[in-house]
């Protein structure tokens, strides 16, 4: 049960979004679920066509050499059969503090004013990367990745006046999924976020998500 959230990220996002909606939260649960399905559909369709996972979301006109290291990690993760060198490179990326910093910066960026598929793809890849880092308790940089997640979910979301609705749904989905990871991997940090977060819109959904996770662990 511990690895349900992002191993099946859509499942975790759907469950939390619908739970929040049933509790009278202001989030558009249907919108978040739809957004998750759109992202999953893009990925599945792209893979069927033989596209690189990164290129499904990133502008195909961008040369591979200019793509982020997070995208390189995503490509390596999707490759089922790796050479010894590729496997070592993949494991090295999981312990790379620079990649953790890069993922954090991508997820903290609030400069956009409308939804952009390339930026959304980078956020999806960054969430996936941070999850892969923290899921191994023996990873030497696990605490740094947990700290990065904590900083992102503490960061207030942009006001509705500044953002279009599609971007707002996407950003809400990001932080909800990240908090779900935190609730599973570090309950103490998750509780601290609830106590200290200044965005009241997020505080309540975080609280309910943590209670839901604790109830699941008790079953």
N, C-alpha and C. Protein backbone atom coordinates (compact mmCIF):
# COMPACT_ATOMS: atom_id res chain seq x y z
N UNK A 1 0.81 -1.20 0.00
CA UNK A 1 0.00 0.00 0.00
C UNK A 1 0.85 1.26 0.00
N UNK A 2 2.08 1.17 0.59
CA UNK A 2 2.91 2.35 0.76
C UNK A 2 3.25 3.01 -0.57
N UNK A 3 3.38 2.23 -1.64
CA UNK A 3 3.85 2.79 -2.89
C UNK A 3 2.73 3.05 -3.89
N UNK A 4 1.54 3.24 -3.42
CA UNK A 4 0.38 3.41 -4.32
C UNK A 4 0.39 4.75 -5.02
N UNK A 5 0.83 5.80 -4.35
CA UNK A 5 0.52 7.15 -4.78
C UNK A 5 1.05 7.50 -6.16
N UNK A 6 2.39 7.39 -6.37
CA UNK A 6 2.91 7.82 -7.65
C UNK A 6 3.30 6.66 -8.54
N UNK A 7 3.46 5.47 -7.96
CA UNK A 7 3.64 4.31 -8.81
C UNK A 7 2.42 4.24 -9.72
N UNK A 8 1.26 4.63 -9.15
CA UNK A 8 0.07 4.89 -9.92
C UNK A 8 -0.39 6.28 -9.59
N UNK A 9 0.36 7.29 -10.06
CA UNK A 9 0.10 8.68 -9.68
C UNK A 9 -1.32 9.10 -9.97
N UNK A 10 -1.88 8.61 -11.08
CA UNK A 10 -3.24 8.96 -11.42
C UNK A 10 -4.20 8.48 -10.34
N UNK A 11 -3.97 7.27 -9.84
CA UNK A 11 -4.84 6.73 -8.79
C UNK A 11 -4.82 7.63 -7.57
N UNK A 12 -3.60 8.03 -7.15
CA UNK A 12 -3.49 8.87 -5.97
C UNK A 12 -4.16 10.21 -6.17
N UNK A 13 -3.96 10.83 -7.33
CA UNK A 13 -4.54 12.13 -7.60
C UNK A 13 -6.05 12.06 -7.66
N UNK A 14 -6.58 11.06 -8.33
CA UNK A 14 -8.03 10.90 -8.43
C UNK A 14 -8.64 10.73 -7.04
N UNK A 15 -8.04 9.85 -6.23
CA UNK A 15 -8.60 9.57 -4.91
C UNK A 15 -8.64 10.82 -4.05
N UNK A 16 -7.54 11.58 -4.03
CA UNK A 16 -7.48 12.77 -3.18
C UNK A 16 -8.40 13.85 -3.71
N UNK A 17 -8.43 14.04 -5.03
CA UNK A 17 -9.28 15.08 -5.60
C UNK A 17 -10.76 14.80 -5.31
N UNK A 18 -11.18 13.56 -5.50
CA UNK A 18 -12.57 13.23 -5.26
C UNK A 18 -12.91 13.33 -3.78
N UNK A 19 -11.95 12.94 -2.92
CA UNK A 19 -12.18 13.03 -1.48
C UNK A 19 -12.37 14.49 -1.08
N UNK A 20 -11.51 15.37 -1.61
CA UNK A 20 -11.63 16.79 -1.29
C UNK A 20 -12.97 17.34 -1.76
N UNK A 21 -13.37 16.94 -2.98
CA UNK A 21 -14.62 17.42 -3.53
C UNK A 21 -15.80 16.97 -2.67
N UNK A 22 -15.78 15.72 -2.21
CA UNK A 22 -16.88 15.22 -1.38
C UNK A 22 -16.94 15.95 -0.05
N UNK A 23 -15.78 16.48 0.39
CA UNK A 23 -15.75 17.19 1.66
C UNK A 23 -16.11 18.67 1.49
N UNK A 24 -16.51 19.04 0.29
CA UNK A 24 -16.93 20.42 0.07
C UNK A 24 -15.79 21.36 -0.26
N UNK A 25 -14.63 20.84 -0.67
CA UNK A 25 -13.50 21.69 -1.00
C UNK A 25 -13.79 22.49 -2.26
N UNK A 26 -12.99 23.55 -2.47
CA UNK A 26 -13.23 24.43 -3.59
C UNK A 26 -12.58 23.96 -4.89
N UNK A 27 -11.74 22.94 -4.79
CA UNK A 27 -11.05 22.46 -5.99
C UNK A 27 -12.05 21.82 -6.95
N UNK A 28 -11.79 21.97 -8.24
CA UNK A 28 -12.59 21.31 -9.27
C UNK A 28 -12.06 19.88 -9.41
N UNK A 29 -12.63 18.94 -8.64
CA UNK A 29 -12.12 17.57 -8.64
C UNK A 29 -12.19 16.95 -10.03
N UNK A 30 -13.32 17.19 -10.71
CA UNK A 30 -13.46 16.63 -12.05
C UNK A 30 -12.38 17.17 -12.97
N UNK A 31 -12.05 18.45 -12.78
CA UNK A 31 -11.01 19.06 -13.61
C UNK A 31 -9.66 18.45 -13.37
N UNK A 32 -9.34 18.18 -12.09
CA UNK A 32 -8.05 17.58 -11.77
C UNK A 32 -7.96 16.16 -12.33
N UNK A 33 -9.05 15.42 -12.20
CA UNK A 33 -9.06 14.06 -12.73
C UNK A 33 -8.91 14.09 -14.25
N UNK A 34 -9.63 15.01 -14.90
CA UNK A 34 -9.52 15.13 -16.36
C UNK A 34 -8.10 15.46 -16.77
N UNK A 35 -7.47 16.39 -16.02
CA UNK A 35 -6.11 16.77 -16.35
C UNK A 35 -5.17 15.58 -16.24
N UNK A 36 -5.35 14.79 -15.18
CA UNK A 36 -4.50 13.61 -15.00
C UNK A 36 -4.70 12.61 -16.13
N UNK A 37 -5.95 12.43 -16.54
CA UNK A 37 -6.24 11.52 -17.64
C UNK A 37 -5.63 12.02 -18.95
N UNK A 38 -5.68 13.34 -19.18
CA UNK A 38 -5.07 13.91 -20.38
C UNK A 38 -3.58 13.63 -20.40
N UNK A 39 -2.91 13.87 -19.27
CA UNK A 39 -1.47 13.62 -19.21
C UNK A 39 -1.16 12.16 -19.46
N UNK A 40 -1.94 11.26 -18.82
CA UNK A 40 -1.70 9.84 -19.00
C UNK A 40 -1.96 9.44 -20.46
N UNK A 41 -3.00 10.01 -21.06
CA UNK A 41 -3.32 9.68 -22.45
C UNK A 41 -2.22 10.10 -23.41
N UNK A 42 -1.65 11.29 -23.16
CA UNK A 42 -0.55 11.76 -24.00
C UNK A 42 0.62 10.80 -23.93
N UNK A 43 0.94 10.39 -22.73
CA UNK A 43 2.09 9.50 -22.54
C UNK A 43 1.86 8.17 -23.24
N UNK A 44 0.67 7.58 -23.04
CA UNK A 44 0.40 6.28 -23.63
C UNK A 44 0.38 6.34 -25.15
N UNK A 45 -0.24 7.41 -25.68
CA UNK A 45 -0.30 7.54 -27.14
C UNK A 45 1.10 7.74 -27.71
N UNK A 46 1.90 8.58 -27.06
CA UNK A 46 3.24 8.83 -27.54
C UNK A 46 4.10 7.59 -27.54
N UNK A 47 3.99 6.79 -26.49
CA UNK A 47 4.79 5.58 -26.40
C UNK A 47 4.38 4.57 -27.46
N UNK A 48 3.07 4.52 -27.74
CA UNK A 48 2.60 3.61 -28.79
C UNK A 48 3.16 4.00 -30.15
N UNK A 49 3.37 5.31 -30.34
CA UNK A 49 3.90 5.80 -31.61
C UNK A 49 5.42 5.73 -31.67
N UNK A 50 6.02 5.27 -30.57
CA UNK A 50 7.47 5.13 -30.54
C UNK A 50 8.21 6.42 -30.21
N UNK A 51 7.49 7.42 -29.66
CA UNK A 51 8.13 8.68 -29.30
C UNK A 51 8.89 8.53 -28.01
N UNK A 52 9.94 9.33 -27.84
CA UNK A 52 10.64 9.36 -26.58
C UNK A 52 9.70 9.95 -25.54
N UNK A 53 9.69 9.42 -24.31
CA UNK A 53 8.79 9.94 -23.28
C UNK A 53 8.91 11.43 -23.10
N UNK A 54 10.13 11.98 -23.13
CA UNK A 54 10.30 13.41 -22.93
C UNK A 54 9.65 14.21 -24.05
N UNK A 55 9.73 13.72 -25.28
CA UNK A 55 9.24 14.48 -26.42
C UNK A 55 7.73 14.53 -26.46
N UNK A 56 7.07 13.70 -25.68
CA UNK A 56 5.62 13.73 -25.63
C UNK A 56 5.13 15.06 -25.09
N UNK A 57 5.88 15.63 -24.15
CA UNK A 57 5.48 16.89 -23.53
C UNK A 57 6.34 18.06 -23.98
N UNK A 58 7.62 17.82 -24.26
CA UNK A 58 8.50 18.91 -24.64
C UNK A 58 8.36 19.23 -26.12
N UNK A 59 8.62 20.46 -26.46
CA UNK A 59 8.54 20.91 -27.84
C UNK A 59 9.47 20.07 -28.71
N UNK A 60 8.96 19.37 -29.71
CA UNK A 60 9.82 18.50 -30.53
C UNK A 60 10.86 19.29 -31.30
N UNK A 61 10.67 20.60 -31.44
CA UNK A 61 11.64 21.42 -32.16
C UNK A 61 12.90 21.65 -31.34
N UNK A 62 12.85 21.39 -30.03
CA UNK A 62 14.00 21.60 -29.16
C UNK A 62 14.97 20.45 -29.35
N UNK A 63 16.22 20.77 -29.59
CA UNK A 63 17.22 19.73 -29.76
C UNK A 63 17.46 18.98 -28.46
N UNK A 64 17.71 17.66 -28.51
CA UNK A 64 17.93 16.88 -27.30
C UNK A 64 18.99 17.47 -26.38
N UNK A 65 20.05 18.05 -26.95
CA UNK A 65 21.13 18.56 -26.11
C UNK A 65 20.69 19.72 -25.23
N UNK A 66 19.56 20.37 -25.58
CA UNK A 66 19.09 21.49 -24.78
C UNK A 66 18.05 21.07 -23.76
N UNK A 67 17.64 19.82 -23.79
CA UNK A 67 16.64 19.34 -22.84
C UNK A 67 17.24 19.20 -21.45
N UNK A 68 16.39 19.29 -20.45
CA UNK A 68 16.88 19.24 -19.08
C UNK A 68 17.36 17.86 -18.70
N UNK A 69 18.21 17.80 -17.67
CA UNK A 69 18.66 16.53 -17.15
C UNK A 69 17.51 15.72 -16.58
N UNK A 70 16.48 16.42 -16.07
CA UNK A 70 15.28 15.72 -15.58
C UNK A 70 14.68 14.91 -16.73
N UNK A 71 14.66 15.48 -17.91
CA UNK A 71 14.12 14.76 -19.06
C UNK A 71 14.99 13.57 -19.43
N UNK A 72 16.29 13.72 -19.28
CA UNK A 72 17.18 12.59 -19.55
C UNK A 72 16.90 11.46 -18.56
N UNK A 73 16.64 11.82 -17.31
CA UNK A 73 16.29 10.81 -16.32
C UNK A 73 15.00 10.10 -16.73
N UNK A 74 14.03 10.86 -17.19
CA UNK A 74 12.76 10.27 -17.60
C UNK A 74 12.95 9.27 -18.73
N UNK A 75 13.80 9.64 -19.69
CA UNK A 75 14.08 8.73 -20.79
C UNK A 75 14.73 7.44 -20.29
N UNK A 76 15.69 7.59 -19.38
CA UNK A 76 16.39 6.42 -18.86
C UNK A 76 15.44 5.53 -18.06
N UNK A 77 14.57 6.14 -17.30
CA UNK A 77 13.61 5.38 -16.49
C UNK A 77 12.70 4.52 -17.37
N UNK A 78 12.31 5.07 -18.52
CA UNK A 78 11.37 4.36 -19.39
C UNK A 78 12.02 3.20 -20.15
N UNK A 79 13.34 3.21 -20.21
CA UNK A 79 14.02 2.16 -20.98
C UNK A 79 14.06 0.87 -20.18
N UNK A 80 13.39 -0.14 -20.66
CA UNK A 80 13.24 -1.40 -19.91
C UNK A 80 14.55 -2.16 -19.80
N UNK A 81 15.27 -2.27 -20.91
CA UNK A 81 16.52 -3.03 -20.91
C UNK A 81 17.69 -2.05 -21.00
N UNK A 82 18.42 -1.93 -19.91
CA UNK A 82 19.54 -0.99 -19.85
C UNK A 82 20.87 -1.75 -19.88
N UNK A 83 21.85 -1.16 -20.52
CA UNK A 83 23.19 -1.70 -20.45
C UNK A 83 23.72 -1.43 -19.03
N UNK A 84 24.83 -2.05 -18.68
CA UNK A 84 25.42 -1.83 -17.36
C UNK A 84 25.74 -0.35 -17.17
N UNK A 85 26.27 0.27 -18.21
CA UNK A 85 26.62 1.69 -18.14
C UNK A 85 25.36 2.55 -17.94
N UNK A 86 24.30 2.20 -18.66
CA UNK A 86 23.05 2.96 -18.53
C UNK A 86 22.44 2.78 -17.14
N UNK A 87 22.53 1.56 -16.61
CA UNK A 87 22.00 1.31 -15.28
C UNK A 87 22.77 2.10 -14.23
N UNK A 88 24.09 2.15 -14.37
CA UNK A 88 24.90 2.92 -13.44
C UNK A 88 24.59 4.41 -13.56
N UNK A 89 24.37 4.86 -14.79
CA UNK A 89 24.02 6.27 -14.99
C UNK A 89 22.68 6.60 -14.36
N UNK A 90 21.72 5.70 -14.48
CA UNK A 90 20.40 5.89 -13.89
C UNK A 90 20.51 5.98 -12.36
N UNK A 91 21.25 5.06 -11.77
CA UNK A 91 21.41 5.05 -10.32
C UNK A 91 22.15 6.30 -9.84
N UNK A 92 23.09 6.77 -10.66
CA UNK A 92 23.82 7.99 -10.32
C UNK A 92 22.89 9.19 -10.31
N UNK A 93 21.95 9.26 -11.25
CA UNK A 93 21.00 10.37 -11.30
C UNK A 93 20.08 10.36 -10.07
N UNK A 94 19.78 9.18 -9.55
CA UNK A 94 18.93 9.09 -8.36
C UNK A 94 19.61 9.66 -7.12
N UNK A 95 20.93 9.79 -7.18
CA UNK A 95 21.68 10.32 -6.03
C UNK A 95 22.32 11.67 -6.36
N UNK A 96 21.76 12.36 -7.34
CA UNK A 96 22.34 13.62 -7.82
C UNK A 96 21.64 14.82 -7.16
N UNK A 97 22.35 15.52 -6.29
CA UNK A 97 21.77 16.67 -5.61
C UNK A 97 21.42 17.80 -6.58
N UNK A 98 22.18 17.92 -7.66
CA UNK A 98 21.89 18.95 -8.65
C UNK A 98 20.55 18.70 -9.34
N UNK A 99 20.23 17.43 -9.58
CA UNK A 99 18.95 17.10 -10.19
C UNK A 99 17.80 17.39 -9.23
N UNK A 100 18.01 17.14 -7.95
CA UNK A 100 16.99 17.46 -6.95
C UNK A 100 16.73 18.96 -6.97
N UNK A 101 17.78 19.74 -7.01
CA UNK A 101 17.64 21.19 -7.05
C UNK A 101 16.91 21.63 -8.31
N UNK A 102 17.25 21.01 -9.43
CA UNK A 102 16.60 21.35 -10.69
C UNK A 102 15.10 21.03 -10.64
N UNK A 103 14.76 19.87 -10.11
CA UNK A 103 13.34 19.49 -9.99
C UNK A 103 12.61 20.47 -9.09
N UNK A 104 13.23 20.85 -7.99
CA UNK A 104 12.60 21.79 -7.06
C UNK A 104 12.35 23.13 -7.74
N UNK A 105 13.33 23.63 -8.48
CA UNK A 105 13.17 24.92 -9.15
C UNK A 105 12.06 24.87 -10.19
N UNK A 106 11.97 23.77 -10.91
CA UNK A 106 10.90 23.63 -11.90
C UNK A 106 9.54 23.68 -11.22
N UNK A 107 9.41 22.99 -10.09
CA UNK A 107 8.13 22.90 -9.41
C UNK A 107 7.78 24.16 -8.62
N UNK A 108 8.78 24.96 -8.27
CA UNK A 108 8.53 26.21 -7.55
C UNK A 108 8.20 27.37 -8.49
N UNK A 109 8.44 27.18 -9.77
CA UNK A 109 8.24 28.27 -10.73
C UNK A 109 6.76 28.64 -10.83
N UNK A 110 6.45 29.88 -10.53
CA UNK A 110 5.07 30.36 -10.61
C UNK A 110 4.95 31.52 -11.61
N UNK A 111 5.88 31.60 -12.54
CA UNK A 111 5.93 32.75 -13.44
C UNK A 111 4.93 32.65 -14.59
N UNK A 112 4.49 31.45 -14.93
CA UNK A 112 3.58 31.29 -16.07
C UNK A 112 2.23 31.94 -15.80
N UNK A 113 1.61 32.42 -16.85
CA UNK A 113 0.27 33.02 -16.72
C UNK A 113 -0.78 32.19 -17.45
N UNK A 114 -0.35 31.20 -18.20
CA UNK A 114 -1.29 30.27 -18.83
C UNK A 114 -0.64 28.91 -18.96
N UNK A 115 -1.46 27.89 -19.14
CA UNK A 115 -0.96 26.52 -19.21
C UNK A 115 -0.12 26.31 -20.45
N UNK A 116 1.06 25.73 -20.25
CA UNK A 116 1.98 25.42 -21.34
C UNK A 116 2.34 23.94 -21.24
N UNK A 117 2.15 23.20 -22.32
CA UNK A 117 2.34 21.75 -22.27
C UNK A 117 3.79 21.36 -21.98
N UNK A 118 4.74 22.12 -22.51
CA UNK A 118 6.14 21.79 -22.26
C UNK A 118 6.48 21.96 -20.79
N UNK A 119 6.02 23.06 -20.19
CA UNK A 119 6.28 23.31 -18.77
C UNK A 119 5.55 22.29 -17.91
N UNK A 120 4.33 21.94 -18.30
CA UNK A 120 3.58 20.94 -17.56
C UNK A 120 4.29 19.59 -17.61
N UNK A 121 4.84 19.25 -18.78
CA UNK A 121 5.58 18.00 -18.92
C UNK A 121 6.81 17.98 -18.02
N UNK A 122 7.49 19.11 -17.91
CA UNK A 122 8.66 19.19 -17.04
C UNK A 122 8.27 19.00 -15.58
N UNK A 123 7.12 19.55 -15.18
CA UNK A 123 6.66 19.37 -13.80
C UNK A 123 6.31 17.91 -13.53
N UNK A 124 5.66 17.26 -14.48
CA UNK A 124 5.31 15.85 -14.32
C UNK A 124 6.58 15.01 -14.17
N UNK A 125 7.57 15.28 -15.01
CA UNK A 125 8.83 14.55 -14.92
C UNK A 125 9.54 14.82 -13.60
N UNK A 126 9.45 16.05 -13.11
CA UNK A 126 10.11 16.41 -11.85
C UNK A 126 9.47 15.70 -10.67
N UNK A 127 8.14 15.61 -10.66
CA UNK A 127 7.45 14.88 -9.60
C UNK A 127 7.86 13.40 -9.63
N UNK A 128 7.89 12.83 -10.81
CA UNK A 128 8.28 11.43 -10.96
C UNK A 128 9.72 11.21 -10.46
N UNK A 129 10.60 12.13 -10.80
CA UNK A 129 11.99 12.00 -10.37
C UNK A 129 12.10 12.05 -8.84
N UNK A 130 11.47 13.04 -8.21
CA UNK A 130 11.56 13.16 -6.75
C UNK A 130 10.98 11.93 -6.06
N UNK A 131 9.93 11.39 -6.62
CA UNK A 131 9.35 10.18 -6.03
C UNK A 131 10.33 9.01 -6.09
N UNK A 132 10.98 8.86 -7.24
CA UNK A 132 11.94 7.76 -7.37
C UNK A 132 13.10 7.92 -6.40
N UNK A 133 13.48 9.15 -6.11
CA UNK A 133 14.57 9.39 -5.16
C UNK A 133 14.15 9.01 -3.75
N UNK A 134 12.96 9.43 -3.32
CA UNK A 134 12.57 9.24 -1.92
C UNK A 134 12.04 7.84 -1.62
N UNK A 135 11.69 7.09 -2.63
CA UNK A 135 11.09 5.78 -2.36
C UNK A 135 12.10 4.78 -1.80
N UNK A 136 13.40 5.06 -1.98
CA UNK A 136 14.44 4.20 -1.43
C UNK A 136 14.98 4.81 -0.14
N UNK A 137 14.72 4.14 0.98
CA UNK A 137 15.14 4.68 2.27
C UNK A 137 16.66 4.68 2.43
N UNK A 138 17.38 3.94 1.61
CA UNK A 138 18.84 3.89 1.70
C UNK A 138 19.51 4.94 0.81
N UNK A 139 18.73 5.68 0.04
CA UNK A 139 19.30 6.69 -0.85
C UNK A 139 19.95 7.80 -0.02
N UNK A 140 21.24 8.09 -0.22
CA UNK A 140 21.92 9.09 0.60
C UNK A 140 21.38 10.51 0.46
N UNK A 141 20.66 10.80 -0.63
CA UNK A 141 20.11 12.15 -0.83
C UNK A 141 18.60 12.18 -0.60
N UNK A 142 18.07 11.14 0.01
CA UNK A 142 16.63 11.05 0.22
C UNK A 142 16.10 12.24 1.03
N UNK A 143 16.81 12.63 2.09
CA UNK A 143 16.36 13.74 2.93
C UNK A 143 16.33 15.05 2.16
N UNK A 144 17.29 15.23 1.27
CA UNK A 144 17.31 16.45 0.45
C UNK A 144 16.10 16.49 -0.48
N UNK A 145 15.73 15.34 -1.02
CA UNK A 145 14.56 15.29 -1.89
C UNK A 145 13.27 15.53 -1.10
N UNK A 146 13.19 14.96 0.10
CA UNK A 146 12.02 15.20 0.95
C UNK A 146 11.92 16.68 1.32
N UNK A 147 13.06 17.29 1.59
CA UNK A 147 13.08 18.71 1.91
C UNK A 147 12.61 19.54 0.71
N UNK A 148 13.02 19.13 -0.49
CA UNK A 148 12.60 19.83 -1.71
C UNK A 148 11.09 19.74 -1.89
N UNK A 149 10.53 18.55 -1.67
CA UNK A 149 9.09 18.36 -1.78
C UNK A 149 8.36 19.24 -0.75
N UNK A 150 8.89 19.25 0.47
CA UNK A 150 8.29 20.05 1.53
C UNK A 150 8.25 21.53 1.15
N UNK A 151 9.34 22.03 0.57
CA UNK A 151 9.39 23.43 0.17
C UNK A 151 8.36 23.74 -0.92
N UNK A 152 8.20 22.81 -1.85
CA UNK A 152 7.25 23.05 -2.94
C UNK A 152 5.81 23.08 -2.42
N UNK A 153 5.45 22.13 -1.57
CA UNK A 153 4.05 22.09 -1.10
C UNK A 153 3.76 23.22 -0.11
N UNK A 154 4.80 23.83 0.46
CA UNK A 154 4.60 24.98 1.34
C UNK A 154 4.42 26.27 0.54
N UNK A 155 4.83 26.25 -0.71
CA UNK A 155 4.79 27.45 -1.54
C UNK A 155 3.35 27.78 -1.95
N UNK A 156 2.85 28.96 -1.61
CA UNK A 156 1.46 29.30 -1.95
C UNK A 156 1.20 29.24 -3.44
N UNK A 157 0.01 28.80 -3.80
CA UNK A 157 -0.38 28.79 -5.20
C UNK A 157 -0.73 30.21 -5.64
N UNK A 158 -0.59 30.50 -6.92
CA UNK A 158 -0.95 31.84 -7.43
C UNK A 158 -2.44 32.10 -7.22
N UNK A 159 -2.79 33.35 -7.08
CA UNK A 159 -4.19 33.71 -6.93
C UNK A 159 -4.93 33.47 -8.23
N UNK A 160 -6.22 33.23 -8.12
CA UNK A 160 -7.03 32.95 -9.31
C UNK A 160 -7.01 34.12 -10.29
N UNK A 161 -6.84 35.33 -9.77
CA UNK A 161 -6.85 36.51 -10.64
C UNK A 161 -5.65 36.53 -11.59
N UNK A 162 -4.57 35.86 -11.18
CA UNK A 162 -3.35 35.90 -11.97
C UNK A 162 -3.23 34.72 -12.94
N UNK A 163 -4.01 33.69 -12.74
CA UNK A 163 -3.79 32.48 -13.53
C UNK A 163 -5.07 32.03 -14.24
N UNK A 164 -4.90 31.40 -15.41
CA UNK A 164 -6.08 30.84 -16.04
C UNK A 164 -6.46 29.55 -15.33
N UNK A 165 -7.69 29.11 -15.54
CA UNK A 165 -8.21 27.97 -14.77
C UNK A 165 -7.47 26.68 -15.07
N UNK A 166 -7.06 26.47 -16.31
CA UNK A 166 -6.35 25.24 -16.65
C UNK A 166 -5.00 25.16 -15.94
N UNK A 167 -4.29 26.27 -15.89
CA UNK A 167 -3.01 26.30 -15.20
C UNK A 167 -3.21 26.09 -13.70
N UNK A 168 -4.25 26.71 -13.14
CA UNK A 168 -4.53 26.55 -11.72
C UNK A 168 -4.78 25.09 -11.38
N UNK A 169 -5.58 24.41 -12.19
CA UNK A 169 -5.86 22.99 -11.95
C UNK A 169 -4.58 22.17 -12.01
N UNK A 170 -3.74 22.48 -12.98
CA UNK A 170 -2.50 21.73 -13.14
C UNK A 170 -1.58 21.93 -11.94
N UNK A 171 -1.43 23.17 -11.48
CA UNK A 171 -0.57 23.45 -10.33
C UNK A 171 -1.14 22.84 -9.05
N UNK A 172 -2.46 22.89 -8.89
CA UNK A 172 -3.09 22.26 -7.73
C UNK A 172 -2.83 20.76 -7.74
N UNK A 173 -2.96 20.16 -8.91
CA UNK A 173 -2.72 18.73 -9.01
C UNK A 173 -1.28 18.37 -8.65
N UNK A 174 -0.33 19.23 -9.05
CA UNK A 174 1.08 18.99 -8.72
C UNK A 174 1.30 18.93 -7.22
N UNK A 175 0.82 19.97 -6.50
CA UNK A 175 1.11 20.03 -5.07
C UNK A 175 0.33 18.98 -4.29
N UNK A 176 -0.85 18.64 -4.74
CA UNK A 176 -1.62 17.58 -4.07
C UNK A 176 -0.90 16.25 -4.20
N UNK A 177 -0.40 15.97 -5.40
CA UNK A 177 0.32 14.70 -5.60
C UNK A 177 1.63 14.68 -4.81
N UNK A 178 2.33 15.81 -4.77
CA UNK A 178 3.56 15.89 -3.99
C UNK A 178 3.29 15.71 -2.49
N UNK A 179 2.21 16.32 -2.01
CA UNK A 179 1.90 16.15 -0.59
C UNK A 179 1.54 14.70 -0.30
N UNK A 180 0.87 14.03 -1.23
CA UNK A 180 0.54 12.62 -1.04
C UNK A 180 1.82 11.80 -0.89
N UNK A 181 2.85 12.13 -1.68
CA UNK A 181 4.14 11.45 -1.54
C UNK A 181 4.71 11.71 -0.15
N UNK A 182 4.65 12.97 0.27
CA UNK A 182 5.20 13.34 1.58
C UNK A 182 4.46 12.62 2.70
N UNK A 183 3.15 12.52 2.58
CA UNK A 183 2.36 11.85 3.61
C UNK A 183 2.73 10.38 3.75
N UNK A 184 3.07 9.75 2.63
CA UNK A 184 3.46 8.34 2.64
C UNK A 184 4.89 8.16 3.16
N UNK A 185 5.78 9.01 2.68
CA UNK A 185 7.21 8.82 2.95
C UNK A 185 7.72 9.50 4.22
N UNK A 186 7.03 10.54 4.69
CA UNK A 186 7.50 11.27 5.87
C UNK A 186 6.32 11.96 6.55
N UNK A 187 5.61 11.19 7.38
CA UNK A 187 4.44 11.74 8.06
C UNK A 187 4.76 12.95 8.91
N UNK A 188 5.96 12.97 9.51
CA UNK A 188 6.35 14.10 10.36
C UNK A 188 6.45 15.39 9.54
N UNK A 189 7.06 15.28 8.37
CA UNK A 189 7.15 16.46 7.51
C UNK A 189 5.77 16.90 7.03
N UNK A 190 4.94 15.93 6.70
CA UNK A 190 3.59 16.25 6.23
C UNK A 190 2.82 17.00 7.30
N UNK A 191 2.93 16.57 8.55
CA UNK A 191 2.26 17.24 9.64
C UNK A 191 2.80 18.66 9.82
N UNK A 192 4.10 18.82 9.66
CA UNK A 192 4.71 20.15 9.78
C UNK A 192 4.19 21.09 8.70
N UNK A 193 4.02 20.57 7.50
CA UNK A 193 3.48 21.38 6.41
C UNK A 193 2.09 21.89 6.77
N UNK A 194 1.26 21.00 7.27
CA UNK A 194 -0.10 21.38 7.64
C UNK A 194 -0.10 22.49 8.68
N UNK A 195 0.82 22.42 9.62
CA UNK A 195 0.88 23.41 10.69
C UNK A 195 1.43 24.75 10.22
N UNK A 196 2.26 24.74 9.18
CA UNK A 196 2.96 25.96 8.81
C UNK A 196 2.52 26.58 7.48
N UNK A 197 1.85 25.83 6.63
CA UNK A 197 1.47 26.37 5.32
C UNK A 197 0.55 27.57 5.49
N UNK A 198 0.79 28.60 4.71
CA UNK A 198 0.00 29.84 4.83
C UNK A 198 -1.18 29.88 3.86
N UNK A 199 -1.17 29.02 2.86
CA UNK A 199 -2.27 28.97 1.89
C UNK A 199 -3.40 28.14 2.48
N UNK A 200 -4.45 28.81 2.95
CA UNK A 200 -5.54 28.11 3.63
C UNK A 200 -6.28 27.16 2.70
N UNK A 201 -6.24 27.45 1.40
CA UNK A 201 -6.88 26.54 0.43
C UNK A 201 -6.20 25.18 0.45
N UNK A 202 -4.88 25.20 0.61
CA UNK A 202 -4.12 23.95 0.61
C UNK A 202 -4.10 23.30 1.99
N UNK A 203 -4.12 24.10 3.04
CA UNK A 203 -4.01 23.55 4.39
C UNK A 203 -5.08 22.50 4.67
N UNK A 204 -6.30 22.80 4.28
CA UNK A 204 -7.40 21.88 4.57
C UNK A 204 -7.30 20.60 3.76
N UNK A 205 -6.95 20.71 2.49
CA UNK A 205 -6.85 19.50 1.68
C UNK A 205 -5.66 18.66 2.13
N UNK A 206 -4.58 19.29 2.55
CA UNK A 206 -3.44 18.55 3.08
C UNK A 206 -3.84 17.80 4.35
N UNK A 207 -4.57 18.48 5.21
CA UNK A 207 -4.99 17.85 6.47
C UNK A 207 -5.83 16.61 6.19
N UNK A 208 -6.77 16.73 5.29
CA UNK A 208 -7.65 15.60 4.98
C UNK A 208 -6.88 14.48 4.28
N UNK A 209 -5.93 14.85 3.44
CA UNK A 209 -5.12 13.83 2.76
C UNK A 209 -4.28 13.04 3.76
N UNK A 210 -3.73 13.73 4.76
CA UNK A 210 -2.92 13.05 5.77
C UNK A 210 -3.78 12.13 6.62
N UNK A 211 -4.95 12.59 7.01
CA UNK A 211 -5.85 11.75 7.79
C UNK A 211 -6.26 10.52 7.00
N UNK A 212 -6.46 10.71 5.71
CA UNK A 212 -6.84 9.58 4.85
C UNK A 212 -5.69 8.57 4.78
N UNK A 213 -4.45 9.08 4.68
CA UNK A 213 -3.30 8.18 4.61
C UNK A 213 -3.13 7.42 5.91
N UNK A 214 -3.30 8.10 7.03
CA UNK A 214 -3.17 7.44 8.34
C UNK A 214 -4.23 6.35 8.50
N UNK A 215 -5.44 6.64 8.03
CA UNK A 215 -6.51 5.64 8.11
C UNK A 215 -6.19 4.42 7.26
N UNK A 216 -5.57 4.66 6.09
CA UNK A 216 -5.20 3.57 5.21
C UNK A 216 -4.15 2.68 5.86
N UNK A 217 -3.16 3.29 6.53
CA UNK A 217 -2.10 2.54 7.17
C UNK A 217 -2.62 1.69 8.33
N UNK A 218 -3.70 2.14 8.95
CA UNK A 218 -4.26 1.41 10.09
C UNK A 218 -5.08 0.21 9.67
N UNK A 219 -5.46 0.15 8.40
CA UNK A 219 -6.31 -0.95 7.92
C UNK A 219 -5.51 -2.25 7.82
